[in-house]
N, C-alpha and C. Protein backbone atom coordinates (compact mmCIF):
# COMPACT_ATOMS: atom_id res chain seq x y z
N MET A 1 6.94 5.29 14.00
CA MET A 1 6.81 5.81 12.66
C MET A 1 5.42 6.42 12.51
N THR A 2 5.35 7.60 11.96
CA THR A 2 4.08 8.28 11.72
C THR A 2 3.76 8.21 10.24
N LEU A 3 2.54 7.84 9.94
CA LEU A 3 2.10 7.75 8.56
C LEU A 3 1.72 9.13 8.05
N ALA A 4 2.34 9.56 6.95
CA ALA A 4 2.04 10.87 6.36
C ALA A 4 0.67 10.82 5.69
N THR A 5 -0.14 11.82 5.96
CA THR A 5 -1.49 11.89 5.37
C THR A 5 -1.69 13.23 4.68
N THR A 6 -2.75 13.29 3.89
CA THR A 6 -3.13 14.53 3.21
C THR A 6 -4.64 14.52 3.02
N LYS A 7 -5.21 15.68 2.77
CA LYS A 7 -6.64 15.78 2.48
C LYS A 7 -6.90 15.41 1.03
N LEU A 8 -7.98 14.69 0.76
CA LEU A 8 -8.34 14.27 -0.58
C LEU A 8 -9.27 15.31 -1.20
N GLY A 9 -8.67 16.21 -1.97
CA GLY A 9 -9.45 17.26 -2.62
C GLY A 9 -10.33 18.01 -1.63
N GLN A 10 -11.59 18.21 -1.99
CA GLN A 10 -12.53 18.93 -1.13
C GLN A 10 -13.51 17.97 -0.46
N THR A 11 -13.15 16.67 -0.42
CA THR A 11 -14.06 15.67 0.16
C THR A 11 -14.06 15.67 1.68
N GLY A 12 -13.00 16.24 2.27
CA GLY A 12 -12.90 16.21 3.73
C GLY A 12 -12.25 14.92 4.24
N LEU A 13 -11.95 14.00 3.32
CA LEU A 13 -11.33 12.74 3.71
C LEU A 13 -9.83 12.91 3.89
N THR A 14 -9.28 12.23 4.89
CA THR A 14 -7.84 12.19 5.09
C THR A 14 -7.35 10.84 4.61
N VAL A 15 -6.35 10.86 3.73
CA VAL A 15 -5.83 9.62 3.16
C VAL A 15 -4.31 9.57 3.32
N SER A 16 -3.77 8.37 3.23
CA SER A 16 -2.33 8.17 3.30
C SER A 16 -1.66 8.73 2.06
N ARG A 17 -0.46 9.30 2.23
CA ARG A 17 0.31 9.76 1.07
C ARG A 17 0.96 8.59 0.36
N LEU A 18 1.07 7.46 1.05
CA LEU A 18 1.66 6.26 0.46
C LEU A 18 0.55 5.33 0.02
N CYS A 19 0.64 4.85 -1.20
CA CYS A 19 -0.41 4.01 -1.76
C CYS A 19 0.21 2.79 -2.44
N LEU A 20 -0.41 1.65 -2.27
CA LEU A 20 0.02 0.44 -2.96
C LEU A 20 -0.90 0.22 -4.14
N GLY A 21 -0.38 0.40 -5.35
CA GLY A 21 -1.18 0.18 -6.55
C GLY A 21 -1.28 -1.30 -6.86
N THR A 22 -2.49 -1.78 -7.07
CA THR A 22 -2.70 -3.21 -7.34
C THR A 22 -3.39 -3.44 -8.67
N MET A 23 -3.43 -2.43 -9.52
CA MET A 23 -4.15 -2.54 -10.77
C MET A 23 -3.64 -3.66 -11.68
N THR A 24 -2.35 -3.97 -11.60
CA THR A 24 -1.78 -4.99 -12.47
C THR A 24 -1.92 -6.40 -11.91
N PHE A 25 -2.39 -6.53 -10.67
CA PHE A 25 -2.52 -7.87 -10.08
C PHE A 25 -3.51 -8.69 -10.91
N GLY A 26 -3.06 -9.89 -11.29
CA GLY A 26 -3.92 -10.77 -12.08
C GLY A 26 -3.72 -10.62 -13.58
N PHE A 27 -3.12 -9.53 -14.01
CA PHE A 27 -2.87 -9.31 -15.44
C PHE A 27 -1.37 -9.40 -15.73
N GLN A 28 -0.59 -8.52 -15.11
CA GLN A 28 0.85 -8.49 -15.33
C GLN A 28 1.61 -9.17 -14.19
N THR A 29 0.97 -9.37 -13.07
CA THR A 29 1.60 -9.97 -11.89
C THR A 29 0.82 -11.21 -11.50
N ASP A 30 1.52 -12.35 -11.42
CA ASP A 30 0.82 -13.59 -11.06
C ASP A 30 0.41 -13.59 -9.58
N GLU A 31 -0.40 -14.56 -9.21
CA GLU A 31 -0.96 -14.59 -7.85
C GLU A 31 0.13 -14.70 -6.79
N GLU A 32 1.12 -15.55 -7.00
CA GLU A 32 2.18 -15.73 -6.00
C GLU A 32 2.94 -14.42 -5.75
N THR A 33 3.31 -13.75 -6.82
CA THR A 33 4.03 -12.48 -6.69
C THR A 33 3.14 -11.42 -6.05
N SER A 34 1.87 -11.39 -6.42
CA SER A 34 0.92 -10.44 -5.83
C SER A 34 0.83 -10.63 -4.32
N ARG A 35 0.75 -11.89 -3.89
CA ARG A 35 0.67 -12.18 -2.45
C ARG A 35 1.95 -11.75 -1.73
N GLN A 36 3.10 -11.95 -2.36
CA GLN A 36 4.37 -11.53 -1.76
C GLN A 36 4.41 -10.01 -1.59
N ILE A 37 3.92 -9.29 -2.59
CA ILE A 37 3.88 -7.83 -2.51
C ILE A 37 2.96 -7.38 -1.38
N LEU A 38 1.77 -7.98 -1.28
CA LEU A 38 0.84 -7.62 -0.22
C LEU A 38 1.38 -7.98 1.16
N ASP A 39 2.03 -9.13 1.27
CA ASP A 39 2.64 -9.51 2.56
C ASP A 39 3.72 -8.52 2.97
N SER A 40 4.54 -8.11 2.01
CA SER A 40 5.59 -7.13 2.30
C SER A 40 5.00 -5.79 2.73
N ALA A 41 3.92 -5.38 2.07
CA ALA A 41 3.26 -4.12 2.44
C ALA A 41 2.68 -4.21 3.84
N ALA A 42 2.09 -5.35 4.20
CA ALA A 42 1.53 -5.52 5.53
C ALA A 42 2.62 -5.50 6.59
N GLU A 43 3.75 -6.15 6.31
CA GLU A 43 4.88 -6.13 7.24
C GLU A 43 5.38 -4.71 7.44
N TYR A 44 5.50 -3.97 6.36
CA TYR A 44 5.97 -2.58 6.43
C TYR A 44 5.01 -1.75 7.27
N ARG A 45 3.72 -1.91 7.05
CA ARG A 45 2.70 -1.14 7.78
C ARG A 45 2.76 -1.42 9.28
N ARG A 46 3.04 -2.71 9.63
CA ARG A 46 3.15 -3.08 11.05
C ARG A 46 4.48 -2.65 11.63
N GLY A 47 5.43 -2.29 10.77
CA GLY A 47 6.74 -1.91 11.25
C GLY A 47 7.68 -3.08 11.42
N ASP A 48 7.29 -4.26 10.90
CA ASP A 48 8.10 -5.47 11.05
C ASP A 48 9.33 -5.44 10.13
N SER A 49 9.25 -4.74 9.04
CA SER A 49 10.29 -4.83 8.02
C SER A 49 10.38 -3.54 7.24
N LEU A 50 11.58 -3.22 6.81
CA LEU A 50 11.77 -2.06 5.94
C LEU A 50 12.50 -2.52 4.69
N ARG A 51 11.91 -3.45 3.95
CA ARG A 51 12.53 -3.99 2.75
C ARG A 51 12.66 -2.95 1.67
């Protein structure tokens, strides 16, 4: 699997097109659920799971 990337404006930085937003962690999402989301994202990144 190849990770799709794009240039970030005129900064010269290359970033992933896929992003995991965590802004609600701790406010709308409790710690247990937040950890489950992060674990799933890590598994996906390693290619272990396609949930």
